[in-house]
PDB file of N, CA and C in Angstrom:
ATOM      1  N   MET A   1     101.313  96.396  74.841  1.00  0.00           N
ATOM      2  CA  MET A   1     102.440  96.083  75.683  1.00  0.00           C
ATOM      3  C   MET A   1     102.282  94.691  76.294  1.00  0.00           C
ATOM      4  N   GLU A   2     102.643  93.680  75.602  1.00  0.00           N
ATOM      5  CA  GLU A   2     102.551  92.312  76.102  1.00  0.00           C
ATOM      6  C   GLU A   2     103.415  92.087  77.334  1.00  0.00           C
ATOM      7  N   ALA A   3     104.576  92.690  77.373  1.00  0.00           N
ATOM      8  CA  ALA A   3     105.475  92.483  78.518  1.00  0.00           C
ATOM      9  C   ALA A   3     104.797  92.917  79.809  1.00  0.00           C
ATOM     10  N   ASN A   4     104.115  94.057  79.783  1.00  0.00           N
ATOM     11  CA  ASN A   4     103.448  94.522  80.992  1.00  0.00           C
ATOM     12  C   ASN A   4     102.375  93.540  81.453  1.00  0.00           C
ATOM     13  N   LYS A   5     101.620  93.002  80.520  1.00  0.00           N
ATOM     14  CA  LYS A   5     100.588  92.025  80.868  1.00  0.00           C
ATOM     15  C   LYS A   5     101.219  90.770  81.454  1.00  0.00           C
ATOM     16  N   THR A   6     102.323  90.348  80.877  1.00  0.00           N
ATOM     17  CA  THR A   6     103.019  89.161  81.369  1.00  0.00           C
ATOM     18  C   THR A   6     103.568  89.403  82.761  1.00  0.00           C
ATOM     19  N   ILE A   7     104.154  90.553  82.968  1.00  0.00           N
ATOM     20  CA  ILE A   7     104.707  90.892  84.283  1.00  0.00           C
ATOM     21  C   ILE A   7     103.592  90.945  85.325  1.00  0.00           C
ATOM     22  N   LEU A   8     102.461  91.533  84.961  1.00  0.00           N
ATOM     23  CA  LEU A   8     101.328  91.578  85.895  1.00  0.00           C
ATOM     24  C   LEU A   8     100.816  90.181  86.212  1.00  0.00           C
ATOM     25  N   GLN A   9     100.727  89.319  85.214  1.00  0.00           N
ATOM     26  CA  GLN A   9     100.260  87.951  85.459  1.00  0.00           C
ATOM     27  C   GLN A   9     101.197  87.222  86.413  1.00  0.00           C
ATOM     28  N   MET A  10     102.498  87.447  86.278  1.00  0.00           N
ATOM     29  CA  MET A  10     103.467  86.834  87.185  1.00  0.00           C
ATOM     30  C   MET A  10     103.299  87.389  88.599  1.00  0.00           C
ATOM     31  N   LYS A  11     103.033  88.686  88.690  1.00  0.00           N
ATOM     32  CA  LYS A  11     102.806  89.312  89.997  1.00  0.00           C
ATOM     33  C   LYS A  11     101.550  88.726  90.638  1.00  0.00           C
ATOM     34  N   TYR A  12     100.487  88.584  89.860  1.00  0.00           N
ATOM     35  CA  TYR A  12      99.251  87.998  90.374  1.00  0.00           C
ATOM     36  C   TYR A  12      99.513  86.600  90.932  1.00  0.00           C
ATOM     37  N   ALA A  13     100.294  85.803  90.215  1.00  0.00           N
ATOM     38  CA  ALA A  13     100.592  84.442  90.665  1.00  0.00           C
ATOM     39  C   ALA A  13     101.327  84.460  92.005  1.00  0.00           C
ATOM     40  N   ARG A  14     102.267  85.379  92.168  1.00  0.00           N
ATOM     41  CA  ARG A  14     103.004  85.466  93.433  1.00  0.00           C
ATOM     42  C   ARG A  14     102.089  85.908  94.567  1.00  0.00           C
ATOM     43  N   ILE A  15     101.207  86.859  94.293  1.00  0.00           N
ATOM     44  CA  ILE A  15     100.270  87.341  95.311  1.00  0.00           C
ATOM     45  C   ILE A  15      99.347  86.211  95.752  1.00  0.00           C
ATOM     46  N   VAL A  16      98.816  85.475  94.796  1.00  0.00           N
ATOM     47  CA  VAL A  16      97.909  84.364  95.106  1.00  0.00           C
ATOM     48  C   VAL A  16      98.638  83.292  95.912  1.00  0.00           C
ATOM     49  N   ALA A  17      99.879  83.005  95.562  1.00  0.00           N
ATOM     50  CA  ALA A  17     100.649  81.997  96.295  1.00  0.00           C
ATOM     51  C   ALA A  17     100.867  82.423  97.745  1.00  0.00           C
ATOM     52  N   ILE A  18     101.219  83.676  97.964  1.00  0.00           N
ATOM     53  CA  ILE A  18     101.411  84.187  99.322  1.00  0.00           C
ATOM     54  C   ILE A  18     100.090  84.132 100.080  1.00  0.00           C
ATOM     55  N   PHE A  19      99.021  84.581  99.440  1.00  0.00           N
ATOM     56  CA  PHE A  19      97.692  84.567 100.057  1.00  0.00           C
ATOM     57  C   PHE A  19      97.305  83.153 100.481  1.00  0.00           C
ATOM     58  N   ALA A  20      97.487  82.193  99.582  1.00  0.00           N
ATOM     59  CA  ALA A  20      97.120  80.805  99.872  1.00  0.00           C
ATOM     60  C   ALA A  20      97.946  80.266 101.041  1.00  0.00           C
ATOM     61  N   GLU A  21      99.223  80.549 101.044  1.00  0.00           N
ATOM     62  CA  GLU A  21     100.097  80.060 102.114  1.00  0.00           C
ATOM     63  C   GLU A  21      99.718  80.666 103.464  1.00  0.00           C
ATOM     64  N   GLU A  22      99.429  81.950 103.476  1.00  0.00           N
ATOM     65  CA  GLU A  22      99.122  82.644 104.730  1.00  0.00           C
ATOM     66  C   GLU A  22      97.747  82.262 105.301  1.00  0.00           C
ATOM     67  N   THR A  23      96.803  81.961 104.433  1.00  0.00           N
ATOM     68  CA  THR A  23      95.440  81.677 104.889  1.00  0.00           C
ATOM     69  C   THR A  23      95.120  80.192 104.960  1.00  0.00           C
ATOM     70  N   GLY A  24      95.915  79.365 104.299  1.00  0.00           N
ATOM     71  CA  GLY A  24      95.638  77.935 104.264  1.00  0.00           C
ATOM     72  C   GLY A  24      94.593  77.552 103.230  1.00  0.00           C
ATOM     73  N   VAL A  25      94.210  78.507 102.397  1.00  0.00           N
ATOM     74  CA  VAL A  25      93.245  78.263 101.323  1.00  0.00           C
ATOM     75  C   VAL A  25      93.988  77.570 100.177  1.00  0.00           C
ATOM     76  N   ASN A  26      93.338  76.600  99.525  1.00  0.00           N
ATOM     77  CA  ASN A  26      94.019  75.944  98.403  1.00  0.00           C
ATOM     78  C   ASN A  26      94.176  76.933  97.242  1.00  0.00           C
ATOM     79  N   LEU A  27      95.106  76.641  96.353  1.00  0.00           N
ATOM     80  CA  LEU A  27      95.444  77.581  95.279  1.00  0.00           C
ATOM     81  C   LEU A  27      94.267  77.897  94.359  1.00  0.00           C
ATOM     82  N   GLU A  28      93.449  76.909  94.079  1.00  0.00           N
ATOM     83  CA  GLU A  28      92.295  77.137  93.196  1.00  0.00           C
ATOM     84  C   GLU A  28      91.322  78.140  93.817  1.00  0.00           C
ATOM     85  N   ASP A  29      91.005  77.942  95.094  1.00  0.00           N
ATOM     86  CA  ASP A  29      90.099  78.862  95.786  1.00  0.00           C
ATOM     87  C   ASP A  29      90.738  80.233  95.977  1.00  0.00           C
ATOM     88  N   ALA A  30      92.039  80.250  96.225  1.00  0.00           N
ATOM     89  CA  ALA A  30      92.766  81.516  96.382  1.00  0.00           C
ATOM     90  C   ALA A  30      92.717  82.316  95.083  1.00  0.00           C
ATOM     91  N   LEU A  31      92.922  81.638  93.972  1.00  0.00           N
ATOM     92  CA  LEU A  31      92.884  82.303  92.671  1.00  0.00           C
ATOM     93  C   LEU A  31      91.485  82.840  92.375  1.00  0.00           C
ATOM     94  N   SER A  32      90.481  82.047  92.681  1.00  0.00           N
ATOM     95  CA  SER A  32      89.098  82.469  92.472  1.00  0.00           C
ATOM     96  C   SER A  32      88.774  83.705  93.313  1.00  0.00           C
ATOM     97  N   PHE A  33      89.177  83.667  94.580  1.00  0.00           N
ATOM     98  CA  PHE A  33      88.925  84.816  95.440  1.00  0.00           C
ATOM     99  C   PHE A  33      89.668  86.048  94.926  1.00  0.00           C
ATOM    100  N   PHE A  34      90.912  85.864  94.540  1.00  0.00           N
ATOM    101  CA  PHE A  34      91.717  86.986  94.054  1.00  0.00           C
ATOM    102  C   PHE A  34      91.044  87.685  92.879  1.00  0.00           C
ATOM    103  N   TYR A  35      90.632  86.919  91.879  1.00  0.00           N
ATOM    104  CA  TYR A  35      90.052  87.536  90.682  1.00  0.00           C
ATOM    105  C   TYR A  35      88.674  88.151  90.917  1.00  0.00           C
ATOM    106  N   SER A  36      88.041  87.840  92.032  1.00  0.00           N
ATOM    107  CA  SER A  36      86.757  88.466  92.355  1.00  0.00           C
ATOM    108  C   SER A  36      86.913  89.578  93.401  1.00  0.00           C
ATOM    109  N   SER A  37      88.132  89.859  93.803  1.00  0.00           N
ATOM    110  CA  SER A  37      88.376  90.807  94.894  1.00  0.00           C
ATOM    111  C   SER A  37      88.469  92.258  94.428  1.00  0.00           C
ATOM    112  N   ASP A  38      88.226  93.149  95.372  1.00  0.00           N
ATOM    113  CA  ASP A  38      88.428  94.576  95.123  1.00  0.00           C
ATOM    114  C   ASP A  38      89.911  94.869  94.932  1.00  0.00           C
ATOM    115  N   THR A  39      90.750  94.125  95.633  1.00  0.00           N
ATOM    116  CA  THR A  39      92.199  94.302  95.513  1.00  0.00           C
ATOM    117  C   THR A  39      92.636  94.079  94.067  1.00  0.00           C
ATOM    118  N   TYR A  40      92.165  93.000  93.459  1.00  0.00           N
ATOM    119  CA  TYR A  40      92.493  92.738  92.053  1.00  0.00           C
ATOM    120  C   TYR A  40      92.007  93.876  91.163  1.00  0.00           C
ATOM    121  N   LYS A  41      90.800  94.331  91.401  1.00  0.00           N
ATOM    122  CA  LYS A  41      90.243  95.402  90.586  1.00  0.00           C
ATOM    123  C   LYS A  41      91.121  96.649  90.656  1.00  0.00           C
ATOM    124  N   LEU A  42      91.550  97.001  91.854  1.00  0.00           N
ATOM    125  CA  LEU A  42      92.401  98.181  92.020  1.00  0.00           C
ATOM    126  C   LEU A  42      93.750  98.003  91.329  1.00  0.00           C
ATOM    127  N   ILE A  43      94.325  96.815  91.462  1.00  0.00           N
ATOM    128  CA  ILE A  43      95.622  96.557  90.821  1.00  0.00           C
ATOM    129  C   ILE A  43      95.480  96.628  89.307  1.00  0.00           C
ATOM    130  N   SER A  44      94.499  95.918  88.776  1.00  0.00           N
ATOM    131  CA  SER A  44      94.356  95.819  87.317  1.00  0.00           C
ATOM    132  C   SER A  44      93.987  97.148  86.666  1.00  0.00           C
ATOM    133  N   GLU A  45      93.308  98.015  87.415  1.00  0.00           N
ATOM    134  CA  GLU A  45      92.946  99.326  86.880  1.00  0.00           C
ATOM    135  C   GLU A  45      94.031 100.369  87.128  1.00  0.00           C
ATOM    136  N   GLY A  46      95.080  99.991  87.843  1.00  0.00           N
ATOM    137  CA  GLY A  46      96.187 100.902  88.096  1.00  0.00           C
ATOM    138  C   GLY A  46      95.859 101.995  89.096  1.00  0.00           C
ATOM    139  N   VAL A  47      94.831 101.794  89.905  1.00  0.00           N
ATOM    140  CA  VAL A  47      94.423 102.787  90.899  1.00  0.00           C
ATOM    141  C   VAL A  47      95.532 102.938  91.935  1.00  0.00           C
ATOM    142  N   ALA A  48      95.909 104.179  92.208  1.00  0.00           N
ATOM    143  CA  ALA A  48      96.908 104.521  93.227  1.00  0.00           C
ATOM    144  C   ALA A  48      98.207 103.738  93.037  1.00  0.00           C
ATOM    145  N   ASP A  49      98.503 103.376  91.799  1.00  0.00           N
ATOM    146  CA  ASP A  49      99.714 102.610  91.500  1.00  0.00           C
ATOM    147  C   ASP A  49      99.846 101.362  92.359  1.00  0.00           C
ATOM    148  N   MET A  50      98.726 100.709  92.617  1.00  0.00           N
ATOM    149  CA  MET A  50      98.726  99.498  93.433  1.00  0.00           C
ATOM    150  C   MET A  50      99.668  98.437  92.862  1.00  0.00           C
ATOM    151  N   HIS A  51      99.783  98.386  91.547  1.00  0.00           N
ATOM    152  CA  HIS A  51     100.643  97.383  90.915  1.00  0.00           C
ATOM    153  C   HIS A  51     102.121  97.589  91.254  1.00  0.00           C
ATOM    154  N   CYS A  52     102.467  98.769  91.782  1.00  0.00           N
ATOM    155  CA  CYS A  52     103.854  99.064  92.165  1.00  0.00           C
ATOM    156  C   CYS A  52     104.169  98.609  93.589  1.00  0.00           C
ATOM    157  N   ARG A  53     103.164  98.245  94.339  1.00  0.00           N
ATOM    158  CA  ARG A  53     103.370  97.807  95.720  1.00  0.00           C
ATOM    159  C   ARG A  53     103.973  96.401  95.724  1.00  0.00           C
ATOM    160  N   SER A  54     104.568  96.035  96.844  1.00  0.00           N
ATOM    161  CA  SER A  54     105.201  94.708  96.934  1.00  0.00           C
ATOM    162  C   SER A  54     104.147  93.609  96.911  1.00  0.00           C
ATOM    163  N   ASP A  55     104.579  92.433  96.509  1.00  0.00           N
ATOM    164  CA  ASP A  55     103.684  91.274  96.484  1.00  0.00           C
ATOM    165  C   ASP A  55     103.151  90.990  97.884  1.00  0.00           C
ATOM    166  N   LYS A  56     104.020  91.078  98.881  1.00  0.00           N
ATOM    167  CA  LYS A  56     103.641  90.811 100.272  1.00  0.00           C
ATOM    168  C   LYS A  56     102.580  91.803 100.734  1.00  0.00           C
ATOM    169  N   TYR A  57     102.782  93.085 100.432  1.00  0.00           N
ATOM    170  CA  TYR A  57     101.813  94.117 100.811  1.00  0.00           C
ATOM    171  C   TYR A  57     100.456  93.820 100.182  1.00  0.00           C
ATOM    172  N   LEU A  58     100.444  93.505  98.903  1.00  0.00           N
ATOM    173  CA  LEU A  58      99.185  93.242  98.202  1.00  0.00           C
ATOM    174  C   LEU A  58      98.512  91.971  98.713  1.00  0.00           C
ATOM    175  N   ALA A  59      99.314  90.974  99.047  1.00  0.00           N
ATOM    176  CA  ALA A  59      98.748  89.748  99.630  1.00  0.00           C
ATOM    177  C   ALA A  59      98.118  90.063 100.982  1.00  0.00           C
ATOM    178  N   GLU A  60      98.749  90.921 101.756  1.00  0.00           N
ATOM    179  CA  GLU A  60      98.184  91.309 103.045  1.00  0.00           C
ATOM    180  C   GLU A  60      96.876  92.073 102.866  1.00  0.00           C
ATOM    181  N   GLU A  61      96.806  92.932 101.874  1.00  0.00           N
ATOM    182  CA  GLU A  61      95.551  93.625 101.565  1.00  0.00           C
ATOM    183  C   GLU A  61      94.469  92.619 101.197  1.00  0.00           C
ATOM    184  N   LEU A  62      94.844  91.612 100.433  1.00  0.00           N
ATOM    185  CA  LEU A  62      93.905  90.567 100.030  1.00  0.00           C
ATOM    186  C   LEU A  62      93.433  89.765 101.244  1.00  0.00           C
ATOM    187  N   ILE A  63      94.334  89.492 102.163  1.00  0.00           N
ATOM    188  CA  ILE A  63      93.983  88.768 103.387  1.00  0.00           C
ATOM    189  C   ILE A  63      92.990  89.577 104.219  1.00  0.00           C
ATOM    190  N   ILE A  64      93.220  90.870 104.330  1.00  0.00           N
ATOM    191  CA  ILE A  64      92.286  91.740 105.064  1.00  0.00           C
ATOM    192  C   ILE A  64      90.907  91.680 104.416  1.00  0.00           C
ATOM    193  N   GLU A  65      90.872  91.777 103.096  1.00  0.00           N
ATOM    194  CA  GLU A  65      89.599  91.715 102.372  1.00  0.00           C
ATOM    195  C   GLU A  65      88.927  90.357 102.583  1.00  0.00           C
ATOM    196  N   TYR A  66      89.706  89.295 102.557  1.00  0.00           N
ATOM    197  CA  TYR A  66      89.198  87.937 102.755  1.00  0.00           C
ATOM    198  C   TYR A  66      88.562  87.798 104.129  1.00  0.00           C
ATOM    199  N   LYS A  67      89.238  88.287 105.155  1.00  0.00           N
ATOM    200  CA  LYS A  67      88.730  88.206 106.527  1.00  0.00           C
ATOM    201  C   LYS A  67      87.460  89.032 106.702  1.00  0.00           C
ATOM    202  N   GLU A  68      87.391  90.179 106.051  1.00  0.00           N
ATOM    203  CA  GLU A  68      86.190  91.018 106.111  1.00  0.00           C
ATOM    204  C   GLU A  68      85.018  90.318 105.450  1.00  0.00           C
ATOM    205  N   ASN A  69      85.253  89.648 104.350  1.00  0.00           N
ATOM    206  CA  ASN A  69      84.186  88.937 103.630  1.00  0.00           C
ATOM    207  C   ASN A  69      83.734  87.680 104.344  1.00  0.00           C
ATOM    208  N   LYS A  70      84.653  87.075 105.081  1.00  0.00           N
ATOM    209  CA  LYS A  70      84.350  85.835 105.795  1.00  0.00           C
ATOM    210  C   LYS A  70      83.530  86.072 107.055  1.00  0.00           C
ATOM    211  N   GLY A  71      83.831  87.166 107.722  1.00  0.00           N
ATOM    212  CA  GLY A  71      83.263  87.306 109.038  1.00  0.00           C
ATOM    213  C   GLY A  71      82.317  88.395 109.215  1.00  0.00           C
TER     214      GLY A  71
END
């Protein structure tokens, strides 16, 4: 299912953009953090239908994870 992979990649890009804007992290670092995050793992594995959640919700989850890792 190529379409599903493409749709997920577009969703990832939107999540990373929101994350970067909200945290002030540059896009490269935001993307790196995203792909190493537990949030990404849950989305990509389809756990609890995380991929069905809104981009904003997932970005907020990523921000929470980022703050926990930082501090």
